[in-house]
Amino acid sequence: MSISDAPSRAPALRRFGFDRDEIERRKQLVRDLWAGKPLDHVPVYVAVENPKPRWTVREQLLDADRQWEEAITVAGLTWRHVPEGDMVPAVRPDVGCSCLATAFGAELYWGNDPNQTCGVKRPPLERVEEAFGLEVPPADAGQLAEGTRRVRQFAEAGEGLVSVSLLDMAGGLNVAMDLLGGEGLYTAMYEAPEALECLLGKIQQLFLAAIALQIDAAGGEDCITTTDFPDYWFPEGCKGHVSDDISANISPASYERFSRPWHDLVFSRYGGGGLHNCGPNPCLEGYLSHRPAPRSLDLSYPYSKRDLPRIKRVLRKRAFVYLTNFPADPEEAIGAFREIMELMAPDVIVVPHVTVAVRHEPQEVYRRMREIADEYAKRMDWGWTPQ
């Protein structure tokens, strides 16, 4: 999957001037946040978009070298244009979010938009009861083989300076939807729950095996951001992360039966790190019912902003939020962060993640958000309640 016009990978790091001491300073800020230590500011994540991307999303998903070049360019531009920022440099290898489903035999398709990711052409299972006869695929079946190769490639190219995420492997219910279709999944919850649990158990066996294989490919847990797709660096001992966008559509009771047991397997092995759902969050209380419970949630601003008052009540002294997909306009993003600070302090920390164009002066955007983050920190009631 290499291409002749891709620049060599190692010079990219030197091109942007990544500094090991500064990276370690940023990692320590994250460690202190996760430990509940008082900080002089709430971290602010300002990323810089590539003003001249060379390839579409589809071209990057189909070619590892192109994907590496785009990922390291964004990480490098962020490093260069926000030199006082808080983000730990990281890259994300990606083969699409249906890679676990392909291991079970799902076929992918591409739409007309070259900047849209791939999806499953048709659910490979006609009935959920087929799960009883399913074999658990090997951890390098389907697209997982290419994805694991990319994890290794990106980690080696990062030379221990730039962390690497693992693949976007979705969550158990998301994979089940790929395999059964939406109607098949939701019907199974009521008409064949035992068969669905059987399927979820086999999906999770594959997920855990794929995590272990990818960590090995990356060179160990010290080299990865988390056990999942986020390119936020999680501290040592808290690398566990799960994804559950389906939780936006189900009841707390369904979450307790069809999500929590499987997520617990990840958290118990890799630590209570993070949980992703774009939003909304009807199962919010269930997110923290895990043992161990995740210390962070990564949510999407457009879909979770209405939940913030409830999040403030449920997460107080227990967890914090990484909030993504802020408005593209910097003035709107800055205004949104101030509103969040006014609402959530002193109870719950929200770490904003905004993406800024070079023409909008990313360092100035960071400076203005940092002023809010300084005030936020002064208002916070720091420390975590023991789990």
Protein backbone atom coordinates (compact mmCIF):
# COMPACT_ATOMS: atom_id res chain seq x y z
CA MET A 1 0.00 0.00 0.00
CA SER A 2 2.97 2.35 -0.25
CA ILE A 3 3.07 5.09 -2.88
CA SER A 4 6.04 6.52 -4.71
CA ASP A 5 5.23 10.19 -4.08
CA ALA A 6 4.88 9.88 -0.30
CA PRO A 7 7.71 11.57 1.60
CA SER A 8 9.80 9.37 3.86
CA ARG A 9 8.30 9.06 7.32
CA ALA A 10 11.22 9.86 9.64
CA PRO A 11 12.05 13.33 8.21
CA ALA A 12 8.48 14.42 8.96
CA LEU A 13 9.25 14.42 12.68
CA ARG A 14 12.33 16.56 12.23
CA ARG A 15 10.44 18.84 9.86
CA PHE A 16 8.07 19.89 12.63
CA GLY A 17 10.57 19.93 15.50
CA PHE A 18 8.79 17.77 18.07
CA ASP A 19 10.53 18.14 21.42
CA ARG A 20 10.65 15.29 23.94
CA ASP A 21 10.84 17.51 27.03
CA GLU A 22 7.83 19.58 25.95
CA ILE A 23 5.87 16.42 25.18
CA GLU A 24 6.65 15.11 28.65
CA ARG A 25 5.47 18.39 30.18
CA ARG A 26 2.14 18.02 28.39
CA LYS A 27 1.83 14.39 29.48
CA GLN A 28 2.39 15.41 33.08
CA LEU A 29 -0.43 17.94 32.79
CA VAL A 30 -2.70 15.08 31.70
CA ARG A 31 -1.50 12.84 34.53
CA ASP A 32 -2.21 15.57 37.07
CA LEU A 33 -5.68 16.18 35.61
CA TRP A 34 -6.55 12.49 35.83
CA ALA A 35 -5.16 12.34 39.38
CA GLY A 36 -7.39 15.24 40.45
CA LYS A 37 -4.50 17.50 41.37
CA PRO A 38 -5.18 21.26 41.29
CA LEU A 39 -3.98 22.74 37.99
CA ASP A 40 -3.22 26.31 36.98
CA HIS A 41 -5.52 25.83 33.97
CA VAL A 42 -7.98 23.35 32.55
CA PRO A 43 -6.32 21.82 29.48
CA VAL A 44 -7.36 23.31 26.14
CA TYR A 45 -6.96 21.26 22.98
CA VAL A 46 -6.61 23.40 19.88
CA ALA A 47 -5.82 21.39 16.74
CA VAL A 48 -4.87 22.92 13.39
CA GLU A 49 -6.42 21.68 10.17
CA ASN A 50 -4.32 21.05 7.09
CA PRO A 51 -5.04 23.97 4.73
CA LYS A 52 -3.97 21.94 1.68
CA PRO A 53 -4.84 18.26 2.15
CA ARG A 54 -3.47 16.23 -0.73
CA TRP A 55 -5.84 13.30 -0.51
CA THR A 56 -9.49 12.56 0.19
CA VAL A 57 -10.65 10.50 3.15
CA ARG A 58 -11.17 7.53 0.84
CA GLU A 59 -7.66 7.82 -0.59
CA GLN A 60 -6.24 7.90 2.93
CA LEU A 61 -8.28 4.92 4.07
CA LEU A 62 -7.06 2.95 1.08
CA ASP A 63 -3.39 3.93 1.38
CA ALA A 64 -1.38 3.86 4.60
CA ASP A 65 1.38 6.22 3.48
CA ARG A 66 -1.09 8.86 2.39
CA GLN A 67 -2.89 8.52 5.71
CA TRP A 68 0.36 8.83 7.64
CA GLU A 69 1.37 11.96 5.75
CA GLU A 70 -1.96 13.66 6.44
CA ALA A 71 -1.97 12.60 10.12
CA ILE A 72 1.59 13.74 10.83
CA THR A 73 0.99 16.99 8.93
CA VAL A 74 -1.97 17.84 11.17
CA ALA A 75 0.00 16.88 14.30
CA GLY A 76 2.95 18.94 13.07
CA LEU A 77 0.91 22.00 12.15
CA THR A 78 -0.73 21.86 15.58
CA TRP A 79 2.71 21.67 17.23
CA ARG A 80 4.06 24.56 15.16
CA HIS A 81 1.08 26.92 15.30
CA VAL A 82 0.11 26.29 18.94
CA PRO A 83 3.56 26.06 20.59
CA GLU A 84 2.15 26.75 24.07
CA GLY A 85 -0.70 24.28 23.69
CA ASP A 86 -1.66 21.24 25.74
CA MET A 87 -2.21 18.49 23.16
CA VAL A 88 0.18 15.55 23.23
CA PRO A 89 1.16 14.86 19.59
CA ALA A 90 -0.57 11.75 18.30
CA VAL A 91 -1.67 10.11 15.06
CA ARG A 92 -4.57 7.83 14.27
CA PRO A 93 -4.33 4.85 11.90
CA ASP A 94 -7.73 4.12 10.40
CA VAL A 95 -9.32 1.52 8.12
CA GLY A 96 -12.92 2.49 8.83
CA CYS A 97 -15.08 1.85 11.88
CA SER A 98 -16.48 -1.49 10.62
CA CYS A 99 -13.22 -3.44 10.80
CA LEU A 100 -14.51 -5.87 13.46
CA ALA A 101 -17.58 -6.54 11.31
CA THR A 102 -15.35 -7.39 8.33
CA ALA A 103 -13.63 -10.02 10.47
CA PHE A 104 -17.06 -11.68 10.77
CA GLY A 105 -17.50 -11.54 6.98
CA ALA A 106 -19.13 -8.15 6.36
CA GLU A 107 -18.38 -6.57 3.00
CA LEU A 108 -17.64 -2.85 2.75
CA TYR A 109 -18.94 -0.32 0.26
CA TRP A 110 -18.09 3.27 -0.66
CA GLY A 111 -20.61 6.01 -1.34
CA ASN A 112 -20.36 8.82 -3.85
CA ASP A 113 -18.67 11.25 -1.46
CA PRO A 114 -14.88 10.65 -1.48
CA ASN A 115 -14.62 12.31 1.95
CA GLN A 116 -17.06 9.89 3.55
CA THR A 117 -15.86 6.72 5.24
CA CYS A 118 -16.88 3.23 4.17
CA GLY A 119 -19.81 1.24 5.55
CA VAL A 120 -21.19 -2.28 5.54
CA LYS A 121 -22.87 -3.21 2.24
CA ARG A 122 -25.41 -5.56 3.80
CA PRO A 123 -25.72 -7.25 7.22
CA PRO A 124 -24.11 -10.70 6.93
CA LEU A 125 -26.41 -12.27 9.55
CA GLU A 126 -30.06 -12.81 8.65
CA ARG A 127 -31.06 -13.84 12.18
CA VAL A 128 -29.40 -13.16 15.52
CA GLU A 129 -29.73 -16.87 16.40
CA GLU A 130 -26.93 -17.53 13.91
CA ALA A 131 -24.62 -16.19 16.62
CA PHE A 132 -24.75 -19.53 18.44
CA GLY A 133 -22.86 -21.19 15.56
CA LEU A 134 -20.40 -18.37 14.90
CA GLU A 135 -16.69 -18.91 15.39
CA VAL A 136 -14.69 -16.05 16.87
CA PRO A 137 -12.42 -14.84 14.05
CA PRO A 138 -8.67 -14.36 14.53
CA ALA A 139 -7.53 -10.90 15.59
CA ASP A 140 -6.10 -10.18 12.15
CA ALA A 141 -9.13 -11.23 10.09
CA GLY A 142 -10.76 -8.88 7.58
CA GLN A 143 -9.60 -5.26 7.70
CA LEU A 144 -7.94 -5.87 11.07
CA ALA A 145 -4.84 -7.20 9.33
CA GLU A 146 -4.24 -3.96 7.41
CA GLY A 147 -5.24 -1.90 10.44
CA THR A 148 -2.76 -3.67 12.70
CA ARG A 149 -0.05 -3.17 10.09
CA ARG A 150 -0.81 0.55 10.10
CA VAL A 151 -0.60 0.71 13.89
CA ARG A 152 2.89 -0.79 13.63
CA GLN A 153 3.90 1.52 10.77
CA PHE A 154 2.65 4.68 12.46
CA ALA A 155 4.23 3.76 15.81
CA GLU A 156 7.60 3.06 14.21
CA ALA A 157 7.41 6.31 12.24
CA GLY A 158 6.53 8.19 15.41
CA GLU A 159 9.87 7.14 16.95
CA GLY A 160 8.50 7.27 20.49
CA LEU A 161 7.72 10.99 20.18
CA VAL A 162 4.33 10.83 18.53
CA SER A 163 1.85 8.48 20.17
CA VAL A 164 -0.45 6.25 18.13
CA SER A 165 -4.07 5.39 18.76
CA LEU A 166 -5.45 1.96 18.05
CA LEU A 167 -8.12 1.39 15.41
CA ASP A 168 -11.68 2.63 15.53
CA MET A 169 -13.26 -0.74 16.27
CA ALA A 170 -16.61 0.72 17.38
CA GLY A 171 -18.35 -0.98 20.33
CA GLY A 172 -20.17 -4.23 20.79
CA LEU A 173 -23.62 -2.89 19.94
CA ASN A 174 -22.26 -0.89 16.99
CA VAL A 175 -20.65 -4.02 15.58
CA ALA A 176 -23.84 -5.99 16.21
CA MET A 177 -25.74 -3.39 14.19
CA ASP A 178 -23.27 -3.86 11.31
CA LEU A 179 -23.86 -7.61 11.48
CA LEU A 180 -27.65 -7.55 11.97
CA GLY A 181 -28.80 -4.19 10.66
CA GLY A 182 -30.64 -1.65 12.78
CA GLU A 183 -33.99 -3.40 12.79
CA GLY A 184 -32.36 -6.75 13.52
CA LEU A 185 -30.41 -5.34 16.47
CA TYR A 186 -33.27 -3.55 18.20
CA THR A 187 -35.66 -6.43 17.60
CA ALA A 188 -33.15 -8.87 19.08
CA MET A 189 -33.02 -6.88 22.32
CA TYR A 190 -36.65 -7.77 22.96
CA GLU A 191 -37.25 -10.99 21.08
CA ALA A 192 -33.94 -12.86 21.39
CA PRO A 193 -31.84 -11.25 24.14
CA GLU A 194 -29.90 -14.43 24.93
CA ALA A 195 -28.83 -14.80 21.30
CA LEU A 196 -27.79 -11.15 21.23
CA GLU A 197 -25.72 -11.66 24.39
CA CYS A 198 -24.05 -14.62 22.71
CA LEU A 199 -23.18 -12.44 19.71
CA LEU A 200 -21.92 -9.60 21.93
CA GLY A 201 -19.72 -12.04 23.85
CA LYS A 202 -18.07 -13.24 20.64
CA ILE A 203 -17.63 -9.69 19.38
CA GLN A 204 -15.93 -8.79 22.66
CA GLN A 205 -13.60 -11.77 22.49
CA LEU A 206 -12.46 -10.53 19.09
CA PHE A 207 -12.21 -6.94 20.35
CA LEU A 208 -9.98 -7.87 23.28
CA ALA A 209 -7.76 -10.05 21.09
CA ALA A 210 -7.47 -7.25 18.52
CA ILE A 211 -6.55 -4.72 21.24
CA ALA A 212 -3.77 -7.00 22.50
CA LEU A 213 -2.42 -7.60 18.98
CA GLN A 214 -2.41 -3.89 18.17
CA ILE A 215 -0.72 -2.94 21.45
CA ASP A 216 2.01 -5.44 20.60
CA ALA A 217 2.29 -3.96 17.10
CA ALA A 218 2.62 -0.46 18.58
CA GLY A 219 5.49 -1.53 20.83
CA GLY A 220 3.59 -1.66 24.12
CA GLU A 221 1.08 0.38 26.11
CA ASP A 222 3.57 3.23 26.60
CA CYS A 223 3.38 3.93 22.86
CA ILE A 224 -0.40 4.23 22.54
CA THR A 225 -2.92 6.93 23.39
CA THR A 226 -5.65 4.51 24.50
CA THR A 227 -6.93 1.05 23.58
CA ASP A 228 -9.33 2.63 21.07
CA PHE A 229 -9.51 5.38 18.43
CA PRO A 230 -9.16 8.67 20.40
CA ASP A 231 -5.93 10.52 19.71
CA TYR A 232 -5.97 11.98 23.23
CA TRP A 233 -3.13 10.59 25.34
CA PHE A 234 -4.42 8.73 28.41
CA PRO A 235 -2.15 8.23 31.45
CA GLU A 236 -0.44 5.00 32.34
CA GLY A 237 -2.81 2.51 33.98
CA CYS A 238 -5.88 4.25 32.52
CA LYS A 239 -5.61 3.22 28.87
CA GLY A 240 -8.98 1.43 28.67
CA HIS A 241 -11.49 3.04 26.31
CA VAL A 242 -14.82 1.89 24.86
CA SER A 243 -17.20 3.30 22.27
CA ASP A 244 -21.00 3.12 22.51
CA ASP A 245 -22.88 5.40 20.14
CA ILE A 246 -25.84 3.00 20.28
CA SER A 247 -26.33 4.05 23.91
CA ALA A 248 -27.90 7.26 22.57
CA ASN A 249 -30.87 5.19 21.41
CA ILE A 250 -31.50 2.69 24.20
CA SER A 251 -32.82 2.63 27.75
CA PRO A 252 -30.66 2.48 30.89
CA ALA A 253 -31.93 -1.06 31.46
CA SER A 254 -30.79 -2.10 27.98
CA TYR A 255 -27.42 -0.47 28.62
CA GLU A 256 -27.06 -2.44 31.84
CA ARG A 257 -27.69 -5.72 30.03
CA PHE A 258 -26.14 -5.22 26.58
CA SER A 259 -23.31 -2.72 27.15
CA ARG A 260 -21.95 -2.67 30.68
CA PRO A 261 -20.79 -6.33 31.00
CA TRP A 262 -18.72 -6.11 27.83
CA HIS A 263 -17.21 -2.69 28.52
CA ASP A 264 -16.22 -3.92 31.98
CA LEU A 265 -13.93 -6.48 30.36
CA VAL A 266 -11.91 -3.70 28.75
CA PHE A 267 -11.78 -1.50 31.85
CA SER A 268 -10.83 -4.37 34.14
CA ARG A 269 -7.90 -5.27 31.89
CA TYR A 270 -6.61 -1.83 30.87
CA GLY A 271 -7.96 0.56 33.51
CA GLY A 272 -10.92 2.91 33.71
CA GLY A 273 -9.99 5.36 31.00
CA GLY A 274 -12.69 6.73 28.75
CA LEU A 275 -16.06 6.11 27.14
CA HIS A 276 -17.28 7.62 23.87
CA ASN A 277 -20.80 8.47 22.84
CA CYS A 278 -21.55 11.41 20.56
CA GLY A 279 -24.83 12.01 22.37
CA PRO A 280 -27.48 12.40 23.56
CA ASN A 281 -26.94 10.47 26.78
CA PRO A 282 -30.03 8.74 28.18
CA CYS A 283 -27.73 6.11 29.78
CA LEU A 284 -25.45 8.65 31.45
CA GLU A 285 -25.66 7.16 34.94
CA GLY A 286 -24.72 3.78 33.49
CA TYR A 287 -21.45 5.14 32.12
CA LEU A 288 -20.13 5.38 35.68
CA SER A 289 -21.57 2.06 36.84
CA HIS A 290 -18.58 0.22 35.40
CA ARG A 291 -15.97 -1.38 37.62
CA PRO A 292 -13.60 0.27 37.36
CA ALA A 293 -15.49 3.32 36.14
CA PRO A 294 -14.06 5.47 33.34
CA ARG A 295 -12.45 8.69 34.49
CA SER A 296 -13.39 10.54 31.29
CA LEU A 297 -16.18 10.75 28.72
CA ASP A 298 -15.56 11.96 25.18
CA LEU A 299 -18.74 13.49 23.83
CA SER A 300 -19.75 15.64 20.86
CA TYR A 301 -20.74 19.23 21.57
CA PRO A 302 -23.68 19.43 19.11
CA TYR A 303 -25.29 16.24 20.42
CA SER A 304 -24.42 16.46 24.13
CA LYS A 305 -24.60 20.17 24.97
CA ARG A 306 -28.20 19.89 26.15
CA ASP A 307 -27.12 17.18 28.59
CA LEU A 308 -24.51 19.36 30.31
CA PRO A 309 -26.66 20.28 33.37
CA ARG A 310 -27.30 16.58 34.01
CA ILE A 311 -23.68 15.72 33.30
CA LYS A 312 -22.70 18.27 35.93
CA ARG A 313 -24.85 16.51 38.51
CA VAL A 314 -23.83 12.93 37.65
CA LEU A 315 -20.10 13.39 37.05
CA ARG A 316 -19.25 15.69 39.97
CA LYS A 317 -16.09 14.49 41.72
CA ARG A 318 -16.15 11.31 39.62
CA ALA A 319 -15.21 12.05 36.01
CA PHE A 320 -14.55 14.80 33.47
CA VAL A 321 -15.42 15.40 29.81
CA TYR A 322 -13.48 15.77 26.59
CA LEU A 323 -15.88 17.74 24.38
CA THR A 324 -15.32 17.66 20.61
CA ASN A 325 -16.87 19.19 17.47
CA PHE A 326 -17.08 22.76 18.70
CA PRO A 327 -18.38 25.36 16.21
CA ALA A 328 -15.97 25.97 13.33
CA ASP A 329 -16.11 29.73 13.83
CA PRO A 330 -13.49 30.60 16.48
CA GLU A 331 -15.61 33.33 18.07
CA GLU A 332 -18.49 30.89 18.51
CA ALA A 333 -16.16 28.23 19.91
CA ILE A 334 -14.64 30.63 22.42
CA GLY A 335 -18.08 31.83 23.44
CA ALA A 336 -19.30 28.26 23.85
CA PHE A 337 -16.35 27.41 26.10
CA ARG A 338 -17.06 30.40 28.34
CA GLU A 339 -20.70 29.36 28.65
CA ILE A 340 -19.58 25.84 29.55
CA MET A 341 -17.19 27.14 32.19
CA GLU A 342 -19.91 29.31 33.74
CA LEU A 343 -22.26 26.31 33.87
CA MET A 344 -19.93 23.49 34.92
CA ALA A 345 -17.54 25.12 37.43
CA PRO A 346 -16.81 24.29 40.21
CA ASP A 347 -18.15 20.76 39.76
CA VAL A 348 -17.06 19.18 36.46
CA ILE A 349 -14.08 19.80 34.20
CA VAL A 350 -14.73 20.05 30.46
CA VAL A 351 -11.66 19.91 28.22
CA PRO A 352 -12.56 21.57 24.90
CA HIS A 353 -11.22 20.24 21.62
CA VAL A 354 -11.49 22.74 18.78
CA THR A 355 -10.09 22.58 15.26
CA VAL A 356 -8.87 25.86 13.81
CA ALA A 357 -7.77 26.94 10.35
CA VAL A 358 -4.31 28.48 10.06
CA ARG A 359 -5.86 31.74 8.79
CA HIS A 360 -7.70 32.09 12.11
CA GLU A 361 -4.44 32.33 14.10
CA PRO A 362 -4.60 29.15 16.20
CA GLN A 363 -2.21 30.43 18.87
CA GLU A 364 -4.42 33.46 19.44
CA VAL A 365 -7.47 31.20 19.71
CA TYR A 366 -5.57 29.10 22.25
CA ARG A 367 -4.54 32.23 24.20
CA ARG A 368 -8.13 33.43 24.49
CA MET A 369 -9.44 30.01 25.47
CA ARG A 370 -6.56 29.66 27.91
CA GLU A 371 -7.73 32.81 29.70
CA ILE A 372 -11.07 31.08 30.27
CA ALA A 373 -9.27 27.88 31.26
CA ASP A 374 -7.23 29.78 33.87
CA GLU A 375 -10.41 31.15 35.43
CA TYR A 376 -12.06 27.72 35.19
CA ALA A 377 -9.21 26.17 37.19
CA LYS A 378 -9.45 28.81 39.90
CA ARG A 379 -13.15 28.07 40.33
CA MET A 380 -12.81 24.29 40.42
CA ASP A 381 -13.30 22.11 43.46
CA TRP A 382 -10.42 19.77 42.69
CA GLY A 383 -10.05 16.12 43.60
CA TRP A 384 -11.86 12.86 42.87
CA THR A 385 -14.15 10.78 45.02
CA PRO A 386 -12.58 7.30 45.44
CA GLN A 387 -14.32 4.75 43.23
